[in-house]
Amino acid sequence: MPIKSYKDLIVWQKAIELVKDIYKICKQLPSEEKFILVPQMIRAAISIAANIAEGWARNHKIEFIRFLNISFGSATELETHLIVAKSQYQNIDYSKADGLVIEVQKMLASLIKNTKLSEKKW
């Protein structure tokens, strides 16, 4: 099936799933994190999916790769926020988010590599 939209990309779909899980986690964090960790985690999670979409919309291979790299950076940032949250708030289940963030990072790395190698004209 040809990819017609960024919404067809499995990595974007997984990134959206990750956003939803991050919101669930953030709702469980204490109120003192309302202006510290919570907005950082949500922004980083949303940035992953948003940059995939924006890169796709640029309709140029080099731009797409650039935005995929930005998404990868946001995924790594989110991974760091999760490490901090886990160290401070052990009573929350982070397992789904941990798995998704690693999966998204691997998918982004693969997509970046394959896009660089592709012959497709944008």
PDB file of N, CA and C in Angstrom:
ATOM      1  N   MET A   1       0.844  -1.184   0.000  1.00  0.00           N
ATOM      2  CA  MET A   1       0.000   0.000   0.000  1.00  0.00           C
ATOM      3  C   MET A   1       0.889   1.247   0.000  1.00  0.00           C
ATOM      4  N   PRO A   2       0.705   2.113  -0.971  1.00  0.00           N
ATOM      5  CA  PRO A   2       1.535   3.319  -1.033  1.00  0.00           C
ATOM      6  C   PRO A   2       1.209   4.277   0.120  1.00  0.00           C
ATOM      7  N   ILE A   3       2.235   4.973   0.549  1.00  0.00           N
ATOM      8  CA  ILE A   3       2.072   5.952   1.616  1.00  0.00           C
ATOM      9  C   ILE A   3       1.651   7.273   0.981  1.00  0.00           C
ATOM     10  N   LYS A   4       0.462   7.721   1.348  1.00  0.00           N
ATOM     11  CA  LYS A   4      -0.087   8.949   0.768  1.00  0.00           C
ATOM     12  C   LYS A   4      -0.007  10.131   1.733  1.00  0.00           C
ATOM     13  N   SER A   5       0.168   9.819   3.010  1.00  0.00           N
ATOM     14  CA  SER A   5       0.145  10.842   4.043  1.00  0.00           C
ATOM     15  C   SER A   5       1.068  10.433   5.183  1.00  0.00           C
ATOM     16  N   TYR A   6       1.532  11.394   5.931  1.00  0.00           N
ATOM     17  CA  TYR A   6       2.312  11.087   7.127  1.00  0.00           C
ATOM     18  C   TYR A   6       1.521  10.213   8.092  1.00  0.00           C
ATOM     19  N   LYS A   7       0.189  10.307   8.036  1.00  0.00           N
ATOM     20  CA  LYS A   7      -0.662   9.501   8.911  1.00  0.00           C
ATOM     21  C   LYS A   7      -0.585   8.017   8.587  1.00  0.00           C
ATOM     22  N   ASP A   8      -0.097   7.687   7.396  1.00  0.00           N
ATOM     23  CA  ASP A   8       0.093   6.286   7.004  1.00  0.00           C
ATOM     24  C   ASP A   8       1.390   5.706   7.553  1.00  0.00           C
ATOM     25  N   LEU A   9       2.286   6.557   8.016  1.00  0.00           N
ATOM     26  CA  LEU A   9       3.565   6.093   8.549  1.00  0.00           C
ATOM     27  C   LEU A   9       3.350   5.459   9.932  1.00  0.00           C
ATOM     28  N   ILE A  10       3.782   4.229  10.080  1.00  0.00           N
ATOM     29  CA  ILE A  10       3.605   3.529  11.355  1.00  0.00           C
ATOM     30  C   ILE A  10       4.338   4.262  12.477  1.00  0.00           C
ATOM     31  N   VAL A  11       5.484   4.857  12.162  1.00  0.00           N
ATOM     32  CA  VAL A  11       6.228   5.583  13.190  1.00  0.00           C
ATOM     33  C   VAL A  11       5.411   6.771  13.707  1.00  0.00           C
ATOM     34  N   TRP A  12       4.683   7.451  12.825  1.00  0.00           N
ATOM     35  CA  TRP A  12       3.836   8.556  13.275  1.00  0.00           C
ATOM     36  C   TRP A  12       2.701   8.025  14.156  1.00  0.00           C
ATOM     37  N   GLN A  13       2.106   6.910  13.757  1.00  0.00           N
ATOM     38  CA  GLN A  13       1.029   6.300  14.536  1.00  0.00           C
ATOM     39  C   GLN A  13       1.521   5.890  15.926  1.00  0.00           C
ATOM     40  N   LYS A  14       2.723   5.323  15.984  1.00  0.00           N
ATOM     41  CA  LYS A  14       3.314   4.938  17.282  1.00  0.00           C
ATOM     42  C   LYS A  14       3.618   6.184  18.115  1.00  0.00           C
ATOM     43  N   ALA A  15       4.059   7.254  17.455  1.00  0.00           N
ATOM     44  CA  ALA A  15       4.348   8.499  18.176  1.00  0.00           C
ATOM     45  C   ALA A  15       3.074   9.072  18.793  1.00  0.00           C
ATOM     46  N   ILE A  16       1.956   8.979  18.089  1.00  0.00           N
ATOM     47  CA  ILE A  16       0.683   9.442  18.627  1.00  0.00           C
ATOM     48  C   ILE A  16       0.271   8.575  19.818  1.00  0.00           C
ATOM     49  N   GLU A  17       0.474   7.285  19.711  1.00  0.00           N
ATOM     50  CA  GLU A  17       0.195   6.379  20.831  1.00  0.00           C
ATOM     51  C   GLU A  17       1.058   6.754  22.036  1.00  0.00           C
ATOM     52  N   LEU A  18       2.297   7.112  21.787  1.00  0.00           N
ATOM     53  CA  LEU A  18       3.206   7.543  22.849  1.00  0.00           C
ATOM     54  C   LEU A  18       2.701   8.824  23.510  1.00  0.00           C
ATOM     55  N   VAL A  19       2.229   9.774  22.727  1.00  0.00           N
ATOM     56  CA  VAL A  19       1.676  11.022  23.281  1.00  0.00           C
ATOM     57  C   VAL A  19       0.546  10.701  24.254  1.00  0.00           C
ATOM     58  N   LYS A  20      -0.353   9.828  23.840  1.00  0.00           N
ATOM     59  CA  LYS A  20      -1.484   9.463  24.693  1.00  0.00           C
ATOM     60  C   LYS A  20      -1.011   8.853  26.008  1.00  0.00           C
ATOM     61  N   ASP A  21       0.008   8.004  25.939  1.00  0.00           N
ATOM     62  CA  ASP A  21       0.512   7.379  27.168  1.00  0.00           C
ATOM     63  C   ASP A  21       1.222   8.394  28.050  1.00  0.00           C
ATOM     64  N   ILE A  22       1.927   9.333  27.449  1.00  0.00           N
ATOM     65  CA  ILE A  22       2.606  10.370  28.236  1.00  0.00           C
ATOM     66  C   ILE A  22       1.573  11.224  28.976  1.00  0.00           C
ATOM     67  N   TYR A  23       0.463  11.553  28.324  1.00  0.00           N
ATOM     68  CA  TYR A  23      -0.598  12.286  29.012  1.00  0.00           C
ATOM     69  C   TYR A  23      -1.105  11.503  30.223  1.00  0.00           C
ATOM     70  N   LYS A  24      -1.271  10.199  30.076  1.00  0.00           N
ATOM     71  CA  LYS A  24      -1.724   9.360  31.206  1.00  0.00           C
ATOM     72  C   LYS A  24      -0.721   9.395  32.347  1.00  0.00           C
ATOM     73  N   ILE A  25       0.554   9.297  32.000  1.00  0.00           N
ATOM     74  CA  ILE A  25       1.594   9.351  33.028  1.00  0.00           C
ATOM     75  C   ILE A  25       1.587  10.709  33.718  1.00  0.00           C
ATOM     76  N   CYS A  26       1.508  11.772  32.941  1.00  0.00           N
ATOM     77  CA  CYS A  26       1.559  13.130  33.502  1.00  0.00           C
ATOM     78  C   CYS A  26       0.395  13.406  34.455  1.00  0.00           C
ATOM     79  N   LYS A  27      -0.748  12.808  34.183  1.00  0.00           N
ATOM     80  CA  LYS A  27      -1.896  12.975  35.083  1.00  0.00           C
ATOM     81  C   LYS A  27      -1.646  12.335  36.448  1.00  0.00           C
ATOM     82  N   GLN A  28      -0.704  11.406  36.502  1.00  0.00           N
ATOM     83  CA  GLN A  28      -0.385  10.722  37.763  1.00  0.00           C
ATOM     84  C   GLN A  28       0.751  11.398  38.528  1.00  0.00           C
ATOM     85  N   LEU A  29       1.439  12.308  37.882  1.00  0.00           N
ATOM     86  CA  LEU A  29       2.539  12.997  38.564  1.00  0.00           C
ATOM     87  C   LEU A  29       1.974  14.000  39.570  1.00  0.00           C
ATOM     88  N   PRO A  30       2.711  14.260  40.632  1.00  0.00           N
ATOM     89  CA  PRO A  30       2.219  15.204  41.651  1.00  0.00           C
ATOM     90  C   PRO A  30       2.101  16.624  41.113  1.00  0.00           C
ATOM     91  N   SER A  31       1.261  17.405  41.764  1.00  0.00           N
ATOM     92  CA  SER A  31       0.977  18.771  41.307  1.00  0.00           C
ATOM     93  C   SER A  31       2.219  19.658  41.268  1.00  0.00           C
ATOM     94  N   GLU A  32       3.226  19.374  42.078  1.00  0.00           N
ATOM     95  CA  GLU A  32       4.434  20.206  42.045  1.00  0.00           C
ATOM     96  C   GLU A  32       5.203  20.070  40.724  1.00  0.00           C
ATOM     97  N   GLU A  33       4.874  19.078  39.928  1.00  0.00           N
ATOM     98  CA  GLU A  33       5.496  18.907  38.614  1.00  0.00           C
ATOM     99  C   GLU A  33       4.708  19.602  37.494  1.00  0.00           C
ATOM    100  N   LYS A  34       3.614  20.273  37.859  1.00  0.00           N
ATOM    101  CA  LYS A  34       2.742  20.912  36.874  1.00  0.00           C
ATOM    102  C   LYS A  34       3.478  21.898  35.970  1.00  0.00           C
ATOM    103  N   PHE A  35       4.457  22.586  36.514  1.00  0.00           N
ATOM    104  CA  PHE A  35       5.181  23.590  35.735  1.00  0.00           C
ATOM    105  C   PHE A  35       6.631  23.184  35.456  1.00  0.00           C
ATOM    106  N   ILE A  36       6.987  21.950  35.814  1.00  0.00           N
ATOM    107  CA  ILE A  36       8.370  21.515  35.626  1.00  0.00           C
ATOM    108  C   ILE A  36       8.422  20.350  34.636  1.00  0.00           C
ATOM    109  N   LEU A  37       8.201  19.157  35.137  1.00  0.00           N
ATOM    110  CA  LEU A  37       8.366  17.953  34.323  1.00  0.00           C
ATOM    111  C   LEU A  37       7.212  17.725  33.348  1.00  0.00           C
ATOM    112  N   VAL A  38       5.991  17.986  33.777  1.00  0.00           N
ATOM    113  CA  VAL A  38       4.814  17.708  32.942  1.00  0.00           C
ATOM    114  C   VAL A  38       4.878  18.429  31.590  1.00  0.00           C
ATOM    115  N   PRO A  39       5.058  19.741  31.541  1.00  0.00           N
ATOM    116  CA  PRO A  39       5.072  20.390  30.223  1.00  0.00           C
ATOM    117  C   PRO A  39       6.249  19.942  29.348  1.00  0.00           C
ATOM    118  N   GLN A  40       7.383  19.652  29.987  1.00  0.00           N
ATOM    119  CA  GLN A  40       8.544  19.189  29.231  1.00  0.00           C
ATOM    120  C   GLN A  40       8.254  17.843  28.558  1.00  0.00           C
ATOM    121  N   MET A  41       7.654  16.935  29.314  1.00  0.00           N
ATOM    122  CA  MET A  41       7.343  15.608  28.775  1.00  0.00           C
ATOM    123  C   MET A  41       6.309  15.693  27.656  1.00  0.00           C
ATOM    124  N   ILE A  42       5.283  16.478  27.866  1.00  0.00           N
ATOM    125  CA  ILE A  42       4.221  16.590  26.861  1.00  0.00           C
ATOM    126  C   ILE A  42       4.753  17.257  25.592  1.00  0.00           C
ATOM    127  N   ARG A  43       5.517  18.334  25.743  1.00  0.00           N
ATOM    128  CA  ARG A  43       6.076  19.011  24.561  1.00  0.00           C
ATOM    129  C   ARG A  43       6.988  18.080  23.765  1.00  0.00           C
ATOM    130  N   ALA A  44       7.846  17.348  24.461  1.00  0.00           N
ATOM    131  CA  ALA A  44       8.768  16.439  23.765  1.00  0.00           C
ATOM    132  C   ALA A  44       7.998  15.347  23.028  1.00  0.00           C
ATOM    133  N   ALA A  45       6.982  14.784  23.677  1.00  0.00           N
ATOM    134  CA  ALA A  45       6.192  13.712  23.052  1.00  0.00           C
ATOM    135  C   ALA A  45       5.462  14.224  21.814  1.00  0.00           C
ATOM    136  N   ILE A  46       4.813  15.362  21.935  1.00  0.00           N
ATOM    137  CA  ILE A  46       4.080  15.928  20.800  1.00  0.00           C
ATOM    138  C   ILE A  46       5.042  16.286  19.671  1.00  0.00           C
ATOM    139  N   SER A  47       6.209  16.773  20.018  1.00  0.00           N
ATOM    140  CA  SER A  47       7.203  17.175  19.030  1.00  0.00           C
ATOM    141  C   SER A  47       7.626  16.016  18.132  1.00  0.00           C
ATOM    142  N   ILE A  48       7.648  14.817  18.664  1.00  0.00           N
ATOM    143  CA  ILE A  48       8.037  13.656  17.849  1.00  0.00           C
ATOM    144  C   ILE A  48       7.089  13.517  16.664  1.00  0.00           C
ATOM    145  N   ALA A  49       5.803  13.402  16.954  1.00  0.00           N
ATOM    146  CA  ALA A  49       4.807  13.227  15.888  1.00  0.00           C
ATOM    147  C   ALA A  49       4.698  14.474  15.010  1.00  0.00           C
ATOM    148  N   ALA A  50       4.744  15.644  15.620  1.00  0.00           N
ATOM    149  CA  ALA A  50       4.573  16.889  14.868  1.00  0.00           C
ATOM    150  C   ALA A  50       5.698  17.096  13.857  1.00  0.00           C
ATOM    151  N   ASN A  51       6.913  16.758  14.225  1.00  0.00           N
ATOM    152  CA  ASN A  51       8.031  16.946  13.303  1.00  0.00           C
ATOM    153  C   ASN A  51       8.039  15.918  12.179  1.00  0.00           C
ATOM    154  N   ILE A  52       7.541  14.724  12.437  1.00  0.00           N
ATOM    155  CA  ILE A  52       7.359  13.759  11.350  1.00  0.00           C
ATOM    156  C   ILE A  52       6.376  14.339  10.338  1.00  0.00           C
ATOM    157  N   ALA A  53       5.263  14.854  10.834  1.00  0.00           N
ATOM    158  CA  ALA A  53       4.236  15.431   9.964  1.00  0.00           C
ATOM    159  C   ALA A  53       4.770  16.637   9.200  1.00  0.00           C
ATOM    160  N   GLU A  54       5.457  17.530   9.893  1.00  0.00           N
ATOM    161  CA  GLU A  54       5.961  18.734   9.230  1.00  0.00           C
ATOM    162  C   GLU A  54       7.005  18.390   8.172  1.00  0.00           C
ATOM    163  N   GLY A  55       7.884  17.459   8.488  1.00  0.00           N
ATOM    164  CA  GLY A  55       8.888  17.045   7.514  1.00  0.00           C
ATOM    165  C   GLY A  55       8.261  16.450   6.266  1.00  0.00           C
ATOM    166  N   TRP A  56       7.232  15.635   6.468  1.00  0.00           N
ATOM    167  CA  TRP A  56       6.521  15.042   5.341  1.00  0.00           C
ATOM    168  C   TRP A  56       5.889  16.138   4.475  1.00  0.00           C
ATOM    169  N   ALA A  57       5.303  17.121   5.127  1.00  0.00           N
ATOM    170  CA  ALA A  57       4.604  18.192   4.415  1.00  0.00           C
ATOM    171  C   ALA A  57       5.554  19.068   3.607  1.00  0.00           C
ATOM    172  N   ARG A  58       6.820  19.105   3.960  1.00  0.00           N
ATOM    173  CA  ARG A  58       7.792  19.906   3.218  1.00  0.00           C
ATOM    174  C   ARG A  58       8.012  19.360   1.810  1.00  0.00           C
ATOM    175  N   ASN A  59       7.658  18.075   1.620  1.00  0.00           N
ATOM    176  CA  ASN A  59       7.690  17.443   0.295  1.00  0.00           C
ATOM    177  C   ASN A  59       9.071  17.516  -0.362  1.00  0.00           C
ATOM    178  N   HIS A  60      10.095  17.395   0.458  1.00  0.00           N
ATOM    179  CA  HIS A  60      11.463  17.391  -0.045  1.00  0.00           C
ATOM    180  C   HIS A  60      12.269  16.427   0.820  1.00  0.00           C
ATOM    181  N   LYS A  61      12.998  15.543   0.178  1.00  0.00           N
ATOM    182  CA  LYS A  61      13.731  14.489   0.879  1.00  0.00           C
ATOM    183  C   LYS A  61      14.667  15.033   1.962  1.00  0.00           C
ATOM    184  N   ILE A  62      15.453  16.033   1.640  1.00  0.00           N
ATOM    185  CA  ILE A  62      16.410  16.584   2.610  1.00  0.00           C
ATOM    186  C   ILE A  62      15.677  17.186   3.807  1.00  0.00           C
ATOM    187  N   GLU A  63      14.597  17.906   3.550  1.00  0.00           N
ATOM    188  CA  GLU A  63      13.804  18.486   4.638  1.00  0.00           C
ATOM    189  C   GLU A  63      13.164  17.386   5.492  1.00  0.00           C
ATOM    190  N   PHE A  64      12.656  16.340   4.845  1.00  0.00           N
ATOM    191  CA  PHE A  64      12.047  15.234   5.579  1.00  0.00           C
ATOM    192  C   PHE A  64      13.072  14.611   6.522  1.00  0.00           C
ATOM    193  N   ILE A  65      14.255  14.358   6.033  1.00  0.00           N
ATOM    194  CA  ILE A  65      15.319  13.782   6.866  1.00  0.00           C
ATOM    195  C   ILE A  65      15.664  14.725   8.017  1.00  0.00           C
ATOM    196  N   ARG A  66      15.736  16.011   7.736  1.00  0.00           N
ATOM    197  CA  ARG A  66      16.048  16.993   8.790  1.00  0.00           C
ATOM    198  C   ARG A  66      15.014  16.944   9.906  1.00  0.00           C
ATOM    199  N   PHE A  67      13.726  16.891   9.536  1.00  0.00           N
ATOM    200  CA  PHE A  67      12.678  16.850  10.547  1.00  0.00           C
ATOM    201  C   PHE A  67      12.604  15.500  11.252  1.00  0.00           C
ATOM    202  N   LEU A  68      12.958  14.427  10.556  1.00  0.00           N
ATOM    203  CA  LEU A  68      13.038  13.122  11.226  1.00  0.00           C
ATOM    204  C   LEU A  68      14.133  13.146  12.287  1.00  0.00           C
ATOM    205  N   ASN A  69      15.239  13.810  11.990  1.00  0.00           N
ATOM    206  CA  ASN A  69      16.309  13.944  12.976  1.00  0.00           C
ATOM    207  C   ASN A  69      15.864  14.771  14.178  1.00  0.00           C
ATOM    208  N   ILE A  70      15.079  15.797  13.939  1.00  0.00           N
ATOM    209  CA  ILE A  70      14.530  16.586  15.045  1.00  0.00           C
ATOM    210  C   ILE A  70      13.604  15.708  15.889  1.00  0.00           C
ATOM    211  N   SER A  71      12.791  14.895  15.234  1.00  0.00           N
ATOM    212  CA  SER A  71      11.905  13.959  15.946  1.00  0.00           C
ATOM    213  C   SER A  71      12.720  13.000  16.802  1.00  0.00           C
ATOM    214  N   PHE A  72      13.812  12.498  16.239  1.00  0.00           N
ATOM    215  CA  PHE A  72      14.673  11.588  16.985  1.00  0.00           C
ATOM    216  C   PHE A  72      15.232  12.278  18.227  1.00  0.00           C
ATOM    217  N   GLY A  73      15.637  13.530  18.075  1.00  0.00           N
ATOM    218  CA  GLY A  73      16.132  14.291  19.226  1.00  0.00           C
ATOM    219  C   GLY A  73      15.059  14.459  20.292  1.00  0.00           C
ATOM    220  N   SER A  74      13.832  14.718  19.868  1.00  0.00           N
ATOM    221  CA  SER A  74      12.725  14.848  20.822  1.00  0.00           C
ATOM    222  C   SER A  74      12.448  13.523  21.529  1.00  0.00           C
ATOM    223  N   ALA A  75      12.584  12.421  20.803  1.00  0.00           N
ATOM    224  CA  ALA A  75      12.386  11.101  21.414  1.00  0.00           C
ATOM    225  C   ALA A  75      13.452  10.832  22.480  1.00  0.00           C
ATOM    226  N   THR A  76      14.670  11.255  22.194  1.00  0.00           N
ATOM    227  CA  THR A  76      15.751  11.091  23.164  1.00  0.00           C
ATOM    228  C   THR A  76      15.537  12.003  24.371  1.00  0.00           C
ATOM    229  N   GLU A  77      15.060  13.210  24.115  1.00  0.00           N
ATOM    230  CA  GLU A  77      14.720  14.126  25.209  1.00  0.00           C
ATOM    231  C   GLU A  77      13.637  13.510  26.092  1.00  0.00           C
ATOM    232  N   LEU A  78      12.597  12.971  25.474  1.00  0.00           N
ATOM    233  CA  LEU A  78      11.511  12.346  26.232  1.00  0.00           C
ATOM    234  C   LEU A  78      12.022  11.158  27.034  1.00  0.00           C
ATOM    235  N   GLU A  79      12.896  10.375  26.439  1.00  0.00           N
ATOM    236  CA  GLU A  79      13.482   9.236  27.154  1.00  0.00           C
ATOM    237  C   GLU A  79      14.182   9.713  28.433  1.00  0.00           C
ATOM    238  N   THR A  80      14.879  10.827  28.338  1.00  0.00           N
ATOM    239  CA  THR A  80      15.569  11.404  29.503  1.00  0.00           C
ATOM    240  C   THR A  80      14.566  11.866  30.558  1.00  0.00           C
ATOM    241  N   HIS A  81      13.484  12.515  30.118  1.00  0.00           N
ATOM    242  CA  HIS A  81      12.444  12.931  31.067  1.00  0.00           C
ATOM    243  C   HIS A  81      11.844  11.721  31.780  1.00  0.00           C
ATOM    244  N   LEU A  82      11.653  10.644  31.056  1.00  0.00           N
ATOM    245  CA  LEU A  82      11.113   9.421  31.674  1.00  0.00           C
ATOM    246  C   LEU A  82      12.080   8.851  32.704  1.00  0.00           C
ATOM    247  N   ILE A  83      13.366   8.909  32.412  1.00  0.00           N
ATOM    248  CA  ILE A  83      14.370   8.441  33.379  1.00  0.00           C
ATOM    249  C   ILE A  83      14.288   9.261  34.659  1.00  0.00           C
ATOM    250  N   VAL A  84      14.172  10.571  34.516  1.00  0.00           N
ATOM    251  CA  VAL A  84      14.059  11.456  35.689  1.00  0.00           C
ATOM    252  C   VAL A  84      12.775  11.151  36.450  1.00  0.00           C
ATOM    253  N   ALA A  85      11.660  11.048  35.750  1.00  0.00           N
ATOM    254  CA  ALA A  85      10.377  10.772  36.403  1.00  0.00           C
ATOM    255  C   ALA A  85      10.421   9.444  37.153  1.00  0.00           C
ATOM    256  N   LYS A  86      10.985   8.423  36.523  1.00  0.00           N
ATOM    257  CA  LYS A  86      11.069   7.105  37.175  1.00  0.00           C
ATOM    258  C   LYS A  86      11.922   7.159  38.433  1.00  0.00           C
ATOM    259  N   SER A  87      12.962   7.980  38.411  1.00  0.00           N
ATOM    260  CA  SER A  87      13.832   8.061  39.591  1.00  0.00           C
ATOM    261  C   SER A  87      13.137   8.757  40.758  1.00  0.00           C
ATOM    262  N   GLN A  88      12.180   9.628  40.460  1.00  0.00           N
ATOM    263  CA  GLN A  88      11.500  10.389  41.500  1.00  0.00           C
ATOM    264  C   GLN A  88      10.148   9.806  41.907  1.00  0.00           C
ATOM    265  N   TYR A  89       9.482   9.154  40.974  1.00  0.00           N
ATOM    266  CA  TYR A  89       8.101   8.689  41.216  1.00  0.00           C
ATOM    267  C   TYR A  89       7.971   7.239  40.768  1.00  0.00           C
ATOM    268  N   GLN A  90       8.403   6.348  41.634  1.00  0.00           N
ATOM    269  CA  GLN A  90       8.436   4.922  41.317  1.00  0.00           C
ATOM    270  C   GLN A  90       7.063   4.254  41.315  1.00  0.00           C
ATOM    271  N   ASN A  91       6.054   4.919  41.807  1.00  0.00           N
ATOM    272  CA  ASN A  91       4.723   4.309  41.921  1.00  0.00           C
ATOM    273  C   ASN A  91       3.932   4.326  40.606  1.00  0.00           C
ATOM    274  N   ILE A  92       4.506   4.872  39.548  1.00  0.00           N
ATOM    275  CA  ILE A  92       3.822   4.979  38.258  1.00  0.00           C
ATOM    276  C   ILE A  92       4.375   3.917  37.313  1.00  0.00           C
ATOM    277  N   ASP A  93       3.484   3.335  36.509  1.00  0.00           N
ATOM    278  CA  ASP A  93       3.904   2.339  35.523  1.00  0.00           C
ATOM    279  C   ASP A  93       4.343   3.047  34.241  1.00  0.00           C
ATOM    280  N   TYR A  94       5.627   2.990  33.959  1.00  0.00           N
ATOM    281  CA  TYR A  94       6.205   3.638  32.786  1.00  0.00           C
ATOM    282  C   TYR A  94       6.495   2.642  31.667  1.00  0.00           C
ATOM    283  N   SER A  95       6.157   1.380  31.860  1.00  0.00           N
ATOM    284  CA  SER A  95       6.608   0.336  30.944  1.00  0.00           C
ATOM    285  C   SER A  95       6.136   0.544  29.504  1.00  0.00           C
ATOM    286  N   LYS A  96       4.894   0.943  29.307  1.00  0.00           N
ATOM    287  CA  LYS A  96       4.407   1.147  27.944  1.00  0.00           C
ATOM    288  C   LYS A  96       5.154   2.302  27.272  1.00  0.00           C
ATOM    289  N   ALA A  97       5.301   3.408  27.974  1.00  0.00           N
ATOM    290  CA  ALA A  97       6.009   4.566  27.424  1.00  0.00           C
ATOM    291  C   ALA A  97       7.468   4.228  27.140  1.00  0.00           C
ATOM    292  N   ASP A  98       8.108   3.498  28.040  1.00  0.00           N
ATOM    293  CA  ASP A  98       9.500   3.089  27.830  1.00  0.00           C
ATOM    294  C   ASP A  98       9.633   2.283  26.545  1.00  0.00           C
ATOM    295  N   GLY A  99       8.740   1.321  26.365  1.00  0.00           N
ATOM    296  CA  GLY A  99       8.779   0.493  25.172  1.00  0.00           C
ATOM    297  C   GLY A  99       8.510   1.280  23.906  1.00  0.00           C
ATOM    298  N   LEU A 100       7.522   2.157  23.970  1.00  0.00           N
ATOM    299  CA  LEU A 100       7.167   2.959  22.795  1.00  0.00           C
ATOM    300  C   LEU A 100       8.266   3.931  22.402  1.00  0.00           C
ATOM    301  N   VAL A 101       8.892   4.562  23.374  1.00  0.00           N
ATOM    302  CA  VAL A 101       9.926   5.549  23.037  1.00  0.00           C
ATOM    303  C   VAL A 101      11.121   4.857  22.377  1.00  0.00           C
ATOM    304  N   ILE A 102      11.469   3.677  22.842  1.00  0.00           N
ATOM    305  CA  ILE A 102      12.565   2.920  22.217  1.00  0.00           C
ATOM    306  C   ILE A 102      12.161   2.465  20.817  1.00  0.00           C
ATOM    307  N   GLU A 103      10.934   1.976  20.690  1.00  0.00           N
ATOM    308  CA  GLU A 103      10.435   1.533  19.387  1.00  0.00           C
ATOM    309  C   GLU A 103      10.420   2.688  18.379  1.00  0.00           C
ATOM    310  N   VAL A 104       9.950   3.840  18.804  1.00  0.00           N
ATOM    311  CA  VAL A 104       9.905   5.014  17.934  1.00  0.00           C
ATOM    312  C   VAL A 104      11.322   5.436  17.539  1.00  0.00           C
ATOM    313  N   GLN A 105      12.248   5.410  18.481  1.00  0.00           N
ATOM    314  CA  GLN A 105      13.633   5.766  18.157  1.00  0.00           C
ATOM    315  C   GLN A 105      14.206   4.823  17.098  1.00  0.00           C
ATOM    316  N   LYS A 106      13.969   3.535  17.261  1.00  0.00           N
ATOM    317  CA  LYS A 106      14.469   2.558  16.287  1.00  0.00           C
ATOM    318  C   LYS A 106      13.822   2.768  14.921  1.00  0.00           C
ATOM    319  N   MET A 107      12.519   3.024  14.919  1.00  0.00           N
ATOM    320  CA  MET A 107      11.814   3.244  13.658  1.00  0.00           C
ATOM    321  C   MET A 107      12.297   4.521  12.974  1.00  0.00           C
ATOM    322  N   LEU A 108      12.518   5.565  13.741  1.00  0.00           N
ATOM    323  CA  LEU A 108      13.030   6.811  13.169  1.00  0.00           C
ATOM    324  C   LEU A 108      14.426   6.610  12.591  1.00  0.00           C
ATOM    325  N   ALA A 109      15.292   5.919  13.327  1.00  0.00           N
ATOM    326  CA  ALA A 109      16.653   5.666  12.839  1.00  0.00           C
ATOM    327  C   ALA A 109      16.610   4.899  11.518  1.00  0.00           C
ATOM    328  N   SER A 110      15.745   3.911  11.448  1.00  0.00           N
ATOM    329  CA  SER A 110      15.606   3.121  10.227  1.00  0.00           C
ATOM    330  C   SER A 110      15.035   3.956   9.078  1.00  0.00           C
ATOM    331  N   LEU A 111      14.021   4.769   9.382  1.00  0.00           N
ATOM    332  CA  LEU A 111      13.417   5.610   8.352  1.00  0.00           C
ATOM    333  C   LEU A 111      14.406   6.650   7.830  1.00  0.00           C
ATOM    334  N   ILE A 112      15.197   7.216   8.717  1.00  0.00           N
ATOM    335  CA  ILE A 112      16.225   8.180   8.307  1.00  0.00           C
ATOM    336  C   ILE A 112      17.222   7.498   7.362  1.00  0.00           C
ATOM    337  N   LYS A 113      17.703   6.343   7.773  1.00  0.00           N
ATOM    338  CA  LYS A 113      18.675   5.608   6.958  1.00  0.00           C
ATOM    339  C   LYS A 113      18.088   5.248   5.600  1.00  0.00           C
ATOM    340  N   ASN A 114      16.890   4.685   5.590  1.00  0.00           N
ATOM    341  CA  ASN A 114      16.272   4.250   4.338  1.00  0.00           C
ATOM    342  C   ASN A 114      15.900   5.425   3.430  1.00  0.00           C
ATOM    343  N   THR A 115      15.510   6.536   4.024  1.00  0.00           N
ATOM    344  CA  THR A 115      15.179   7.716   3.220  1.00  0.00           C
ATOM    345  C   THR A 115      16.437   8.273   2.565  1.00  0.00           C
ATOM    346  N   LYS A 116      17.548   8.261   3.303  1.00  0.00           N
ATOM    347  CA  LYS A 116      18.811   8.720   2.728  1.00  0.00           C
ATOM    348  C   LYS A 116      19.219   7.859   1.538  1.00  0.00           C
ATOM    349  N   LEU A 117      18.942   6.563   1.623  1.00  0.00           N
ATOM    350  CA  LEU A 117      19.337   5.627   0.577  1.00  0.00           C
ATOM    351  C   LEU A 117      18.343   5.542  -0.574  1.00  0.00           C
ATOM    352  N   SER A 118      17.139   6.055  -0.380  1.00  0.00           N
ATOM    353  CA  SER A 118      16.096   5.882  -1.392  1.00  0.00           C
ATOM    354  C   SER A 118      16.382   6.689  -2.646  1.00  0.00           C
ATOM    355  N   GLU A 119      15.875   6.176  -3.735  1.00  0.00           N
ATOM    356  CA  GLU A 119      15.986   6.851  -5.026  1.00  0.00           C
ATOM    357  C   GLU A 119      14.759   7.720  -5.296  1.00  0.00           C
ATOM    358  N   LYS A 120      13.782   7.663  -4.413  1.00  0.00           N
ATOM    359  CA  LYS A 120      12.530   8.379  -4.625  1.00  0.00           C
ATOM    360  C   LYS A 120      12.782   9.877  -4.801  1.00  0.00           C
ATOM    361  N   LYS A 121      12.144  10.406  -5.781  1.00  0.00           N
ATOM    362  CA  LYS A 121      12.190  11.857  -6.010  1.00  0.00           C
ATOM    363  C   LYS A 121      11.061  12.504  -5.220  1.00  0.00           C
ATOM    364  N   TRP A 122      11.347  13.576  -4.545  1.00  0.00           N
ATOM    365  CA  TRP A 122      10.338  14.258  -3.734  1.00  0.00           C
ATOM    366  C   TRP A 122       9.773  15.407  -4.481  1.00  0.00           C
TER     367      TRP A 122
END
